[in-house]
């Protein structure tokens, strides 16, 4: 669960307030304290971070995965702390909030964002999806390894699903992967992973 703290604030106020410990996001001016992820959630994050980092190093890409960088929405007072954020280092010189706030809001800085679904699944499938699309982030993964999201997103009956949203003509188009489907990532086309391998990292038994 997430917990919204009282009183609406601006992004500047949020950035000045944000403490070193804990994980917080700003949703339409409301400070939201993110719950400590469960172990399976962290297993998926760790597995993917290693796999993607290995690909970045092998291909000598100018990318890296930061620890606590915020992604600021273009409109309104919202800023998110993704589970995995891929940063395009060369564009950081163009980010006005980077040096002081470790915050990005330009699509050229963000080739890929990954969110691992937990109890606040509506944020991933609705709010963040809309804001990431508006920024123009080329690729967005939603990994629902525990089949928590609504049936309209992951099927009926619910099943573990990985949704890869690719920006095409300014709108996200989704491709979904389950079981032994090899995932297809526009940003990392040589990544050799199946949906099942990712779900198994989160404790899902193999089929």
N, C-alpha and C. Protein backbone atom coordinates (compact mmCIF):
# COMPACT_ATOMS: atom_id res chain seq x y z
N UNK A 1 0.85 -1.20 0.00
CA UNK A 1 0.00 0.00 0.00
C UNK A 1 0.89 1.26 0.00
N UNK A 2 0.34 2.32 -0.55
CA UNK A 2 1.01 3.60 -0.46
C UNK A 2 0.21 4.49 0.45
N UNK A 3 0.88 5.47 1.02
CA UNK A 3 0.21 6.35 1.97
C UNK A 3 0.44 7.79 1.54
N UNK A 4 -0.62 8.51 1.25
CA UNK A 4 -0.51 9.92 0.87
C UNK A 4 -0.42 10.76 2.14
N UNK A 5 0.55 11.67 2.15
CA UNK A 5 0.70 12.56 3.29
C UNK A 5 -0.14 13.81 3.04
N UNK A 6 -0.70 14.42 4.11
CA UNK A 6 -1.60 15.55 3.93
C UNK A 6 -0.87 16.78 3.37
N UNK A 7 -1.69 17.72 2.83
CA UNK A 7 -1.21 19.00 2.30
C UNK A 7 -0.61 18.83 0.91
N UNK A 8 -1.15 19.61 -0.03
CA UNK A 8 -0.63 19.61 -1.39
C UNK A 8 0.58 20.53 -1.48
N UNK A 9 1.56 20.10 -2.27
CA UNK A 9 2.80 20.88 -2.40
C UNK A 9 3.18 20.97 -3.88
N UNK A 10 4.07 21.91 -4.18
CA UNK A 10 4.62 22.01 -5.53
C UNK A 10 5.79 21.03 -5.66
N UNK A 11 6.22 20.81 -6.90
CA UNK A 11 7.38 19.96 -7.08
C UNK A 11 8.61 20.53 -6.39
N UNK A 12 8.80 21.85 -6.46
CA UNK A 12 9.97 22.47 -5.82
C UNK A 12 9.94 22.24 -4.31
N UNK A 13 8.76 22.36 -3.72
CA UNK A 13 8.65 22.10 -2.28
C UNK A 13 8.94 20.64 -1.97
N UNK A 14 8.44 19.76 -2.80
CA UNK A 14 8.68 18.32 -2.62
C UNK A 14 10.15 18.00 -2.73
N UNK A 15 10.82 18.55 -3.74
CA UNK A 15 12.24 18.28 -3.95
C UNK A 15 13.07 18.78 -2.78
N UNK A 16 12.69 19.94 -2.22
CA UNK A 16 13.43 20.48 -1.08
C UNK A 16 13.18 19.67 0.18
N UNK A 17 11.98 19.09 0.29
CA UNK A 17 11.60 18.32 1.49
C UNK A 17 12.12 16.89 1.46
N UNK A 18 12.22 16.29 0.31
CA UNK A 18 12.44 14.85 0.18
C UNK A 18 13.63 14.38 1.02
N UNK A 19 13.39 13.49 1.98
CA UNK A 19 14.47 13.03 2.86
C UNK A 19 15.36 12.00 2.17
N UNK A 20 16.52 11.77 2.76
CA UNK A 20 17.46 10.80 2.20
C UNK A 20 16.90 9.39 2.29
N UNK A 21 16.33 9.04 3.42
CA UNK A 21 15.79 7.70 3.60
C UNK A 21 14.36 7.60 3.11
N UNK A 22 13.92 6.39 2.81
CA UNK A 22 12.55 6.19 2.35
C UNK A 22 12.42 6.47 0.88
N UNK A 23 11.24 6.15 0.34
CA UNK A 23 10.97 6.35 -1.07
C UNK A 23 9.64 7.07 -1.21
N UNK A 24 9.68 8.22 -1.85
CA UNK A 24 8.50 9.06 -1.95
C UNK A 24 8.27 9.46 -3.39
N UNK A 25 6.97 9.64 -3.74
CA UNK A 25 6.59 10.18 -5.04
C UNK A 25 5.63 11.34 -4.80
N UNK A 26 5.44 12.13 -5.86
CA UNK A 26 4.49 13.23 -5.80
C UNK A 26 3.41 12.97 -6.83
N UNK A 27 2.17 12.84 -6.36
CA UNK A 27 1.04 12.55 -7.24
C UNK A 27 0.06 13.72 -7.18
N UNK A 28 0.07 14.54 -8.24
CA UNK A 28 -0.83 15.70 -8.30
C UNK A 28 -0.73 16.58 -7.05
N UNK A 29 0.48 16.80 -6.61
CA UNK A 29 0.72 17.67 -5.47
C UNK A 29 0.68 16.98 -4.12
N UNK A 30 0.28 15.72 -4.08
CA UNK A 30 0.22 14.97 -2.82
C UNK A 30 1.48 14.12 -2.68
N UNK A 31 2.14 14.25 -1.55
CA UNK A 31 3.32 13.42 -1.27
C UNK A 31 2.85 12.02 -0.89
N UNK A 32 3.38 11.03 -1.59
CA UNK A 32 2.99 9.64 -1.37
C UNK A 32 4.21 8.86 -0.90
N UNK A 33 4.09 8.25 0.27
CA UNK A 33 5.16 7.40 0.79
C UNK A 33 4.97 6.00 0.24
N UNK A 34 5.94 5.51 -0.49
CA UNK A 34 5.85 4.19 -1.10
C UNK A 34 6.20 3.12 -0.06
N UNK A 35 5.39 2.06 -0.03
CA UNK A 35 5.62 0.98 0.91
C UNK A 35 6.90 0.23 0.57
N UNK A 36 7.53 -0.36 1.57
CA UNK A 36 8.70 -1.19 1.33
C UNK A 36 8.30 -2.38 0.47
N UNK A 37 8.94 -2.57 -0.70
CA UNK A 37 8.57 -3.68 -1.57
C UNK A 37 8.83 -5.03 -0.90
N UNK A 38 8.01 -6.02 -1.26
CA UNK A 38 8.21 -7.37 -0.75
C UNK A 38 9.43 -7.99 -1.44
N UNK A 39 9.90 -9.08 -0.87
CA UNK A 39 11.12 -9.71 -1.38
C UNK A 39 11.03 -10.14 -2.84
N UNK A 40 9.87 -10.72 -3.24
CA UNK A 40 9.72 -11.17 -4.62
C UNK A 40 9.83 -9.99 -5.60
N UNK A 41 9.25 -8.87 -5.22
CA UNK A 41 9.32 -7.66 -6.03
C UNK A 41 10.78 -7.25 -6.23
N UNK A 42 11.53 -7.25 -5.15
CA UNK A 42 12.94 -6.86 -5.23
C UNK A 42 13.76 -7.88 -6.02
N UNK A 43 13.36 -9.15 -5.96
CA UNK A 43 14.04 -10.17 -6.76
C UNK A 43 13.91 -9.88 -8.26
N UNK A 44 12.71 -9.47 -8.68
CA UNK A 44 12.50 -9.14 -10.09
C UNK A 44 13.33 -7.91 -10.47
N UNK A 45 13.32 -6.89 -9.62
CA UNK A 45 14.11 -5.69 -9.89
C UNK A 45 15.59 -6.03 -10.02
N UNK A 46 16.11 -6.80 -9.08
CA UNK A 46 17.52 -7.16 -9.12
C UNK A 46 17.89 -7.98 -10.33
N UNK A 47 17.04 -8.95 -10.68
CA UNK A 47 17.29 -9.80 -11.84
C UNK A 47 17.35 -8.97 -13.11
N UNK A 48 16.37 -8.10 -13.32
CA UNK A 48 16.32 -7.30 -14.53
C UNK A 48 17.45 -6.28 -14.59
N UNK A 49 17.76 -5.67 -13.45
CA UNK A 49 18.85 -4.70 -13.43
C UNK A 49 20.17 -5.34 -13.86
N UNK A 50 20.41 -6.56 -13.40
CA UNK A 50 21.64 -7.26 -13.80
C UNK A 50 21.64 -7.60 -15.28
N UNK A 51 20.52 -8.12 -15.77
CA UNK A 51 20.44 -8.51 -17.18
C UNK A 51 20.59 -7.30 -18.11
N UNK A 52 19.91 -6.22 -17.77
CA UNK A 52 19.97 -5.03 -18.62
C UNK A 52 21.34 -4.36 -18.53
N UNK A 53 21.90 -4.31 -17.34
CA UNK A 53 23.24 -3.71 -17.18
C UNK A 53 24.28 -4.49 -17.98
N UNK A 54 24.14 -5.82 -18.00
CA UNK A 54 25.09 -6.63 -18.79
C UNK A 54 24.97 -6.30 -20.27
N UNK A 55 23.74 -6.08 -20.74
CA UNK A 55 23.52 -5.73 -22.15
C UNK A 55 24.10 -4.35 -22.45
N UNK A 56 23.89 -3.40 -21.53
CA UNK A 56 24.44 -2.06 -21.71
C UNK A 56 25.96 -2.11 -21.83
N UNK A 57 26.59 -2.88 -20.96
CA UNK A 57 28.05 -2.98 -20.98
C UNK A 57 28.54 -3.69 -22.24
N UNK A 58 27.87 -4.77 -22.62
CA UNK A 58 28.30 -5.55 -23.78
C UNK A 58 28.20 -4.74 -25.06
N UNK A 59 27.16 -3.93 -25.17
CA UNK A 59 26.93 -3.15 -26.39
C UNK A 59 27.56 -1.75 -26.32
N UNK A 60 28.17 -1.45 -25.17
CA UNK A 60 28.84 -0.16 -24.98
C UNK A 60 27.89 1.01 -25.21
N UNK A 61 26.69 0.89 -24.61
CA UNK A 61 25.68 1.94 -24.74
C UNK A 61 25.92 3.03 -23.69
N UNK A 62 25.53 4.27 -23.97
CA UNK A 62 25.77 5.36 -23.02
C UNK A 62 24.68 5.45 -21.94
N UNK A 63 24.24 4.29 -21.46
CA UNK A 63 23.15 4.22 -20.50
C UNK A 63 23.65 3.73 -19.13
N UNK A 64 22.86 4.00 -18.11
CA UNK A 64 23.10 3.38 -16.80
C UNK A 64 21.80 3.40 -16.01
N UNK A 65 21.78 2.64 -14.91
CA UNK A 65 20.61 2.54 -14.05
C UNK A 65 20.90 3.25 -12.73
N UNK A 66 20.28 4.40 -12.48
CA UNK A 66 20.52 5.13 -11.23
C UNK A 66 19.72 4.53 -10.08
N UNK A 67 19.95 5.05 -8.90
CA UNK A 67 19.30 4.50 -7.71
C UNK A 67 18.03 5.26 -7.33
N UNK A 68 18.08 6.59 -7.30
CA UNK A 68 16.96 7.34 -6.74
C UNK A 68 16.53 8.52 -7.60
N UNK A 69 16.70 8.47 -8.88
CA UNK A 69 16.34 9.57 -9.76
C UNK A 69 14.81 9.67 -9.90
N UNK A 70 14.31 10.90 -9.94
CA UNK A 70 12.89 11.14 -10.15
C UNK A 70 12.59 11.45 -11.61
N UNK A 71 11.41 11.07 -12.05
CA UNK A 71 10.90 11.43 -13.37
C UNK A 71 9.73 12.37 -13.16
N UNK A 72 9.87 13.62 -13.64
CA UNK A 72 8.84 14.62 -13.41
C UNK A 72 7.88 14.66 -14.59
N UNK A 73 6.58 14.66 -14.28
CA UNK A 73 5.57 14.78 -15.32
C UNK A 73 5.65 16.16 -15.97
N UNK A 74 5.24 16.25 -17.23
CA UNK A 74 5.31 17.52 -17.94
C UNK A 74 4.29 18.52 -17.40
N UNK A 75 3.11 18.05 -17.03
CA UNK A 75 2.06 18.93 -16.53
C UNK A 75 1.69 18.53 -15.11
N UNK A 76 1.27 19.52 -14.34
CA UNK A 76 0.87 19.23 -12.97
C UNK A 76 2.06 19.02 -12.05
N UNK A 77 1.75 18.66 -10.82
CA UNK A 77 2.78 18.49 -9.80
C UNK A 77 2.91 17.01 -9.46
N UNK A 78 3.54 16.26 -10.37
CA UNK A 78 3.77 14.83 -10.14
C UNK A 78 5.21 14.48 -10.48
N UNK A 79 5.77 13.57 -9.70
CA UNK A 79 7.12 13.07 -9.96
C UNK A 79 7.20 11.65 -9.41
N UNK A 80 7.82 10.77 -10.18
CA UNK A 80 7.81 9.34 -9.85
C UNK A 80 9.23 8.80 -9.67
N UNK A 81 9.29 7.74 -8.88
CA UNK A 81 10.55 7.04 -8.63
C UNK A 81 10.39 5.61 -9.17
N UNK A 82 10.73 5.38 -10.44
CA UNK A 82 10.48 4.07 -11.06
C UNK A 82 11.29 2.96 -10.40
N UNK A 83 10.76 1.73 -10.56
CA UNK A 83 11.51 0.58 -10.05
C UNK A 83 12.84 0.44 -10.77
N UNK A 84 12.82 0.60 -12.09
CA UNK A 84 14.06 0.62 -12.88
C UNK A 84 13.94 1.74 -13.89
N UNK A 85 14.95 2.59 -13.92
CA UNK A 85 15.00 3.71 -14.84
C UNK A 85 16.31 3.63 -15.62
N UNK A 86 16.22 3.61 -16.94
CA UNK A 86 17.41 3.63 -17.77
C UNK A 86 17.67 5.08 -18.17
N UNK A 87 18.86 5.55 -17.87
CA UNK A 87 19.24 6.93 -18.16
C UNK A 87 20.20 6.98 -19.34
N UNK A 88 19.92 7.89 -20.26
CA UNK A 88 20.83 8.18 -21.38
C UNK A 88 21.75 9.32 -20.93
N UNK A 89 22.93 8.95 -20.52
CA UNK A 89 23.84 9.91 -19.88
C UNK A 89 24.12 11.17 -20.71
N UNK A 90 24.36 11.07 -22.03
CA UNK A 90 24.72 12.28 -22.79
C UNK A 90 23.68 13.39 -22.75
N UNK A 91 22.41 13.06 -22.53
CA UNK A 91 21.39 14.11 -22.53
C UNK A 91 21.23 14.81 -21.19
N UNK A 92 21.90 14.35 -20.16
CA UNK A 92 21.72 14.96 -18.85
C UNK A 92 22.15 16.42 -18.82
N UNK A 93 23.03 16.83 -19.71
CA UNK A 93 23.45 18.24 -19.75
C UNK A 93 22.28 19.15 -20.13
N UNK A 94 21.25 18.57 -20.73
CA UNK A 94 20.08 19.35 -21.15
C UNK A 94 18.95 19.33 -20.13
N UNK A 95 19.16 18.63 -19.03
CA UNK A 95 18.12 18.51 -18.01
C UNK A 95 18.27 19.61 -16.96
N UNK A 96 17.32 20.56 -16.88
CA UNK A 96 17.47 21.68 -15.95
C UNK A 96 17.42 21.29 -14.48
N UNK A 97 16.79 20.16 -14.17
CA UNK A 97 16.65 19.76 -12.76
C UNK A 97 17.66 18.70 -12.34
N UNK A 98 18.56 18.35 -13.23
CA UNK A 98 19.44 17.23 -12.94
C UNK A 98 20.45 17.53 -11.83
N UNK A 99 21.18 18.61 -11.96
CA UNK A 99 22.29 18.87 -11.05
C UNK A 99 21.84 19.00 -9.60
N UNK A 100 20.75 19.73 -9.38
CA UNK A 100 20.32 20.01 -8.00
C UNK A 100 19.30 19.02 -7.46
N UNK A 101 18.46 18.47 -8.35
CA UNK A 101 17.35 17.66 -7.87
C UNK A 101 17.41 16.20 -8.32
N UNK A 102 18.44 15.82 -9.07
CA UNK A 102 18.54 14.48 -9.67
C UNK A 102 17.20 14.04 -10.26
N UNK A 103 16.64 14.94 -11.08
CA UNK A 103 15.33 14.74 -11.69
C UNK A 103 15.43 14.93 -13.20
N UNK A 104 14.72 14.08 -13.95
CA UNK A 104 14.69 14.19 -15.41
C UNK A 104 13.25 14.34 -15.88
N UNK A 105 13.08 15.01 -17.03
CA UNK A 105 11.73 15.13 -17.58
C UNK A 105 11.75 15.23 -19.10
N UNK A 106 12.86 14.81 -19.73
CA UNK A 106 12.96 14.82 -21.17
C UNK A 106 13.05 13.40 -21.71
N UNK A 107 12.30 13.14 -22.76
CA UNK A 107 12.29 11.80 -23.34
C UNK A 107 13.67 11.35 -23.79
N UNK A 108 14.50 12.30 -24.24
CA UNK A 108 15.83 11.96 -24.72
C UNK A 108 16.73 11.41 -23.61
N UNK A 109 16.35 11.67 -22.36
CA UNK A 109 17.13 11.16 -21.22
C UNK A 109 16.67 9.79 -20.75
N UNK A 110 15.51 9.32 -21.26
CA UNK A 110 14.85 8.16 -20.67
C UNK A 110 14.46 7.16 -21.76
N UNK A 111 15.36 6.29 -22.18
CA UNK A 111 14.99 5.31 -23.20
C UNK A 111 14.00 4.26 -22.72
N UNK A 112 14.01 3.97 -21.40
CA UNK A 112 13.17 2.88 -20.89
C UNK A 112 12.88 3.09 -19.42
N UNK A 113 11.62 2.83 -19.04
CA UNK A 113 11.20 2.79 -17.64
C UNK A 113 10.53 1.45 -17.39
N UNK A 114 10.80 0.86 -16.22
CA UNK A 114 10.17 -0.40 -15.83
C UNK A 114 9.50 -0.23 -14.48
N UNK A 115 8.24 -0.62 -14.40
CA UNK A 115 7.53 -0.66 -13.13
C UNK A 115 7.11 -2.11 -12.85
N UNK A 116 7.36 -2.55 -11.62
CA UNK A 116 6.95 -3.87 -11.17
C UNK A 116 5.66 -3.70 -10.36
N UNK A 117 4.60 -4.36 -10.78
CA UNK A 117 3.28 -4.12 -10.19
C UNK A 117 3.22 -4.62 -8.75
N UNK A 118 2.65 -3.78 -7.90
CA UNK A 118 2.35 -4.18 -6.51
C UNK A 118 0.93 -3.72 -6.20
N UNK A 119 0.61 -3.53 -4.94
CA UNK A 119 -0.77 -3.25 -4.56
C UNK A 119 -1.29 -1.93 -5.14
N UNK A 120 -0.39 -1.02 -5.50
CA UNK A 120 -0.82 0.25 -6.11
C UNK A 120 -0.80 0.15 -7.64
N UNK A 121 -1.32 -0.96 -8.16
CA UNK A 121 -1.24 -1.25 -9.59
C UNK A 121 -1.93 -0.20 -10.44
N UNK A 122 -2.93 0.47 -9.91
CA UNK A 122 -3.63 1.49 -10.70
C UNK A 122 -2.69 2.61 -11.12
N UNK A 123 -1.73 2.96 -10.26
CA UNK A 123 -0.77 4.00 -10.62
C UNK A 123 0.02 3.59 -11.86
N UNK A 124 0.45 2.33 -11.92
CA UNK A 124 1.27 1.86 -13.05
C UNK A 124 0.48 1.82 -14.35
N UNK A 125 -0.75 1.31 -14.28
CA UNK A 125 -1.54 1.09 -15.49
C UNK A 125 -2.31 2.33 -15.96
N UNK A 126 -2.54 3.26 -15.08
CA UNK A 126 -3.31 4.44 -15.45
C UNK A 126 -2.45 5.72 -15.42
N UNK A 127 -2.12 6.16 -14.22
CA UNK A 127 -1.50 7.48 -14.07
C UNK A 127 -0.11 7.54 -14.70
N UNK A 128 0.76 6.60 -14.32
CA UNK A 128 2.12 6.65 -14.84
C UNK A 128 2.16 6.39 -16.34
N UNK A 129 1.31 5.48 -16.79
CA UNK A 129 1.24 5.21 -18.22
C UNK A 129 0.92 6.49 -18.99
N UNK A 130 -0.05 7.25 -18.51
CA UNK A 130 -0.44 8.48 -19.20
C UNK A 130 0.67 9.52 -19.14
N UNK A 131 1.30 9.67 -17.99
CA UNK A 131 2.34 10.69 -17.86
C UNK A 131 3.60 10.31 -18.63
N UNK A 132 3.98 9.04 -18.62
CA UNK A 132 5.16 8.62 -19.38
C UNK A 132 4.91 8.79 -20.88
N UNK A 133 3.68 8.52 -21.32
CA UNK A 133 3.34 8.72 -22.72
C UNK A 133 3.42 10.20 -23.08
N UNK A 134 2.92 11.07 -22.20
CA UNK A 134 2.94 12.51 -22.45
C UNK A 134 4.37 13.04 -22.54
N UNK A 135 5.26 12.53 -21.70
CA UNK A 135 6.67 12.93 -21.77
C UNK A 135 7.28 12.50 -23.10
N UNK A 136 6.81 11.35 -23.61
CA UNK A 136 7.36 10.81 -24.84
C UNK A 136 8.42 9.75 -24.62
N UNK A 137 8.37 9.10 -23.46
CA UNK A 137 9.32 8.04 -23.15
C UNK A 137 9.10 6.90 -24.13
N UNK A 138 10.13 6.47 -24.87
CA UNK A 138 9.94 5.54 -25.98
C UNK A 138 9.43 4.16 -25.57
N UNK A 139 9.78 3.72 -24.35
CA UNK A 139 9.42 2.35 -23.98
C UNK A 139 9.14 2.27 -22.49
N UNK A 140 8.06 1.55 -22.14
CA UNK A 140 7.62 1.42 -20.76
C UNK A 140 7.18 -0.02 -20.53
N UNK A 141 7.81 -0.68 -19.54
CA UNK A 141 7.43 -2.05 -19.20
C UNK A 141 6.59 -2.04 -17.92
N UNK A 142 5.50 -2.80 -17.92
CA UNK A 142 4.76 -3.08 -16.70
C UNK A 142 4.84 -4.59 -16.48
N UNK A 143 5.47 -4.99 -15.38
CA UNK A 143 5.67 -6.41 -15.10
C UNK A 143 4.74 -6.82 -13.95
N UNK A 144 3.72 -7.56 -14.30
CA UNK A 144 2.70 -7.98 -13.33
C UNK A 144 2.90 -9.47 -13.03
N UNK A 145 4.01 -9.78 -12.35
CA UNK A 145 4.39 -11.18 -12.12
C UNK A 145 3.43 -11.90 -11.18
N UNK A 146 2.74 -11.14 -10.32
CA UNK A 146 1.82 -11.75 -9.35
C UNK A 146 0.36 -11.65 -9.80
N UNK A 147 0.14 -11.18 -11.04
CA UNK A 147 -1.21 -11.06 -11.61
C UNK A 147 -2.15 -10.28 -10.68
N UNK A 148 -1.75 -9.06 -10.37
CA UNK A 148 -2.50 -8.21 -9.45
C UNK A 148 -3.45 -7.26 -10.18
N UNK A 149 -3.06 -6.81 -11.36
CA UNK A 149 -3.81 -5.78 -12.07
C UNK A 149 -5.19 -6.24 -12.50
N UNK A 150 -5.96 -5.31 -13.05
CA UNK A 150 -7.32 -5.60 -13.48
C UNK A 150 -7.34 -6.59 -14.65
N UNK A 151 -8.44 -7.32 -14.78
CA UNK A 151 -8.57 -8.33 -15.83
C UNK A 151 -8.46 -7.72 -17.22
N UNK A 152 -8.89 -6.47 -17.38
CA UNK A 152 -8.81 -5.86 -18.70
C UNK A 152 -7.37 -5.64 -19.14
N UNK A 153 -6.44 -5.67 -18.18
CA UNK A 153 -5.03 -5.52 -18.51
C UNK A 153 -4.30 -6.85 -18.65
N UNK A 154 -4.67 -7.85 -17.84
CA UNK A 154 -3.89 -9.09 -17.80
C UNK A 154 -4.69 -10.34 -18.11
N UNK A 155 -5.96 -10.17 -18.54
CA UNK A 155 -6.74 -11.32 -18.96
C UNK A 155 -7.68 -11.85 -17.90
N UNK A 156 -8.63 -12.65 -18.36
CA UNK A 156 -9.61 -13.27 -17.47
C UNK A 156 -9.69 -14.76 -17.82
N UNK A 157 -9.25 -15.65 -16.93
CA UNK A 157 -8.74 -15.38 -15.59
C UNK A 157 -7.40 -14.64 -15.61
N UNK A 158 -7.11 -13.98 -14.51
CA UNK A 158 -5.87 -13.24 -14.41
C UNK A 158 -4.67 -14.17 -14.55
N UNK A 159 -3.63 -13.69 -15.20
CA UNK A 159 -2.40 -14.46 -15.33
C UNK A 159 -1.20 -13.52 -15.37
N UNK A 160 -0.06 -13.99 -14.88
CA UNK A 160 1.13 -13.15 -14.90
C UNK A 160 1.39 -12.64 -16.32
N UNK A 161 1.60 -11.35 -16.43
CA UNK A 161 1.70 -10.71 -17.75
C UNK A 161 2.76 -9.62 -17.72
N UNK A 162 3.54 -9.58 -18.78
CA UNK A 162 4.48 -8.48 -18.99
C UNK A 162 3.99 -7.67 -20.18
N UNK A 163 3.74 -6.39 -19.95
CA UNK A 163 3.25 -5.50 -21.00
C UNK A 163 4.36 -4.53 -21.39
N UNK A 164 4.72 -4.52 -22.66
CA UNK A 164 5.72 -3.58 -23.16
C UNK A 164 5.01 -2.56 -24.03
N UNK A 165 5.03 -1.32 -23.56
CA UNK A 165 4.41 -0.21 -24.29
C UNK A 165 5.48 0.51 -25.09
N UNK A 166 5.27 0.61 -26.39
CA UNK A 166 6.19 1.29 -27.29
C UNK A 166 5.51 2.53 -27.85
N UNK A 167 6.22 3.66 -27.82
CA UNK A 167 5.65 4.90 -28.33
C UNK A 167 5.70 4.91 -29.85
N UNK A 168 4.54 4.96 -30.48
CA UNK A 168 4.42 5.00 -31.94
C UNK A 168 3.50 6.15 -32.31
N UNK A 169 4.03 7.09 -33.06
CA UNK A 169 3.27 8.29 -33.45
C UNK A 169 2.65 8.98 -32.25
N UNK A 170 3.43 9.07 -31.17
CA UNK A 170 3.00 9.81 -29.99
C UNK A 170 2.07 9.08 -29.06
N UNK A 171 1.74 7.81 -29.37
CA UNK A 171 0.85 7.04 -28.50
C UNK A 171 1.48 5.68 -28.19
N UNK A 172 1.19 5.18 -27.00
CA UNK A 172 1.69 3.87 -26.62
C UNK A 172 0.88 2.76 -27.29
N UNK A 173 1.60 1.82 -27.88
CA UNK A 173 1.02 0.58 -28.39
C UNK A 173 1.60 -0.56 -27.55
N UNK A 174 0.74 -1.48 -27.10
CA UNK A 174 1.19 -2.50 -26.15
C UNK A 174 1.33 -3.86 -26.82
N UNK A 175 2.39 -4.57 -26.43
CA UNK A 175 2.57 -5.97 -26.77
C UNK A 175 2.74 -6.72 -25.45
N UNK A 176 2.05 -7.85 -25.31
CA UNK A 176 2.10 -8.57 -24.03
C UNK A 176 2.80 -9.92 -24.18
N UNK A 177 3.45 -10.32 -23.09
CA UNK A 177 4.25 -11.54 -23.09
C UNK A 177 3.90 -12.36 -21.85
N UNK A 178 3.78 -13.68 -22.07
CA UNK A 178 3.49 -14.61 -20.98
C UNK A 178 4.25 -15.90 -21.22
N UNK A 179 4.42 -16.68 -20.16
CA UNK A 179 5.03 -18.00 -20.30
C UNK A 179 6.40 -17.95 -20.96
N UNK A 180 6.58 -18.80 -21.96
CA UNK A 180 7.88 -18.93 -22.60
C UNK A 180 8.05 -17.96 -23.77
N UNK A 181 7.15 -16.98 -23.92
CA UNK A 181 7.32 -15.95 -24.94
C UNK A 181 8.63 -15.20 -24.70
N UNK A 182 9.45 -15.11 -25.73
CA UNK A 182 10.66 -14.28 -25.63
C UNK A 182 10.24 -12.82 -25.76
N UNK A 183 10.64 -12.00 -24.80
CA UNK A 183 10.23 -10.61 -24.84
C UNK A 183 10.93 -9.89 -25.99
N UNK A 184 10.26 -8.89 -26.53
CA UNK A 184 10.80 -8.10 -27.63
C UNK A 184 10.85 -6.64 -27.17
N UNK A 185 12.07 -6.15 -26.97
CA UNK A 185 12.27 -4.79 -26.49
C UNK A 185 12.89 -3.93 -27.58
N UNK A 186 12.23 -2.85 -27.98
CA UNK A 186 12.83 -1.96 -28.97
C UNK A 186 14.15 -1.35 -28.51
N UNK A 187 14.26 -1.07 -27.21
CA UNK A 187 15.49 -0.46 -26.69
C UNK A 187 16.62 -1.46 -26.58
N UNK A 188 16.29 -2.70 -26.23
CA UNK A 188 17.29 -3.75 -26.07
C UNK A 188 16.89 -4.98 -26.90
N UNK A 189 17.00 -4.88 -28.22
CA UNK A 189 16.52 -5.96 -29.09
C UNK A 189 17.28 -7.27 -28.95
N UNK A 190 18.49 -7.22 -28.39
CA UNK A 190 19.28 -8.44 -28.24
C UNK A 190 19.11 -9.08 -26.86
N UNK A 191 18.25 -8.51 -26.04
CA UNK A 191 18.00 -9.08 -24.71
C UNK A 191 17.30 -10.43 -24.86
N UNK A 192 17.92 -11.46 -24.37
CA UNK A 192 17.42 -12.83 -24.57
C UNK A 192 16.76 -13.33 -23.28
N UNK A 193 15.51 -12.92 -23.08
CA UNK A 193 14.78 -13.28 -21.87
C UNK A 193 13.35 -13.67 -22.25
N UNK A 194 12.80 -14.62 -21.52
CA UNK A 194 11.38 -14.93 -21.66
C UNK A 194 10.61 -14.31 -20.50
N UNK A 195 9.31 -14.16 -20.70
CA UNK A 195 8.46 -13.66 -19.62
C UNK A 195 8.58 -14.56 -18.39
N UNK A 196 8.60 -15.87 -18.62
CA UNK A 196 8.65 -16.82 -17.51
C UNK A 196 9.92 -16.65 -16.68
N UNK A 197 11.04 -16.41 -17.33
CA UNK A 197 12.29 -16.19 -16.58
C UNK A 197 12.17 -15.00 -15.64
N UNK A 198 11.53 -13.95 -16.12
CA UNK A 198 11.34 -12.76 -15.29
C UNK A 198 10.38 -13.05 -14.15
N UNK A 199 9.28 -13.74 -14.44
CA UNK A 199 8.31 -14.06 -13.38
C UNK A 199 8.93 -15.00 -12.33
N UNK A 200 9.74 -15.94 -12.77
CA UNK A 200 10.39 -16.86 -11.84
C UNK A 200 11.31 -16.15 -10.89
N UNK A 201 11.91 -15.05 -11.33
CA UNK A 201 12.75 -14.26 -10.44
C UNK A 201 11.92 -13.71 -9.28
N UNK A 202 10.61 -13.54 -9.50
CA UNK A 202 9.70 -13.08 -8.45
C UNK A 202 9.04 -14.20 -7.68
N UNK A 203 9.53 -15.42 -7.84
CA UNK A 203 9.03 -16.52 -7.03
C UNK A 203 7.92 -17.32 -7.68
N UNK A 204 7.56 -17.00 -8.93
CA UNK A 204 6.51 -17.76 -9.61
C UNK A 204 7.05 -19.12 -10.06
N UNK A 205 6.39 -20.22 -9.71
CA UNK A 205 6.88 -21.55 -10.14
C UNK A 205 6.89 -21.66 -11.65
N UNK A 206 7.84 -22.43 -12.15
CA UNK A 206 7.90 -22.65 -13.61
C UNK A 206 6.72 -23.52 -14.05
N UNK A 207 6.30 -23.32 -15.30
CA UNK A 207 5.15 -24.06 -15.81
C UNK A 207 5.56 -25.42 -16.32
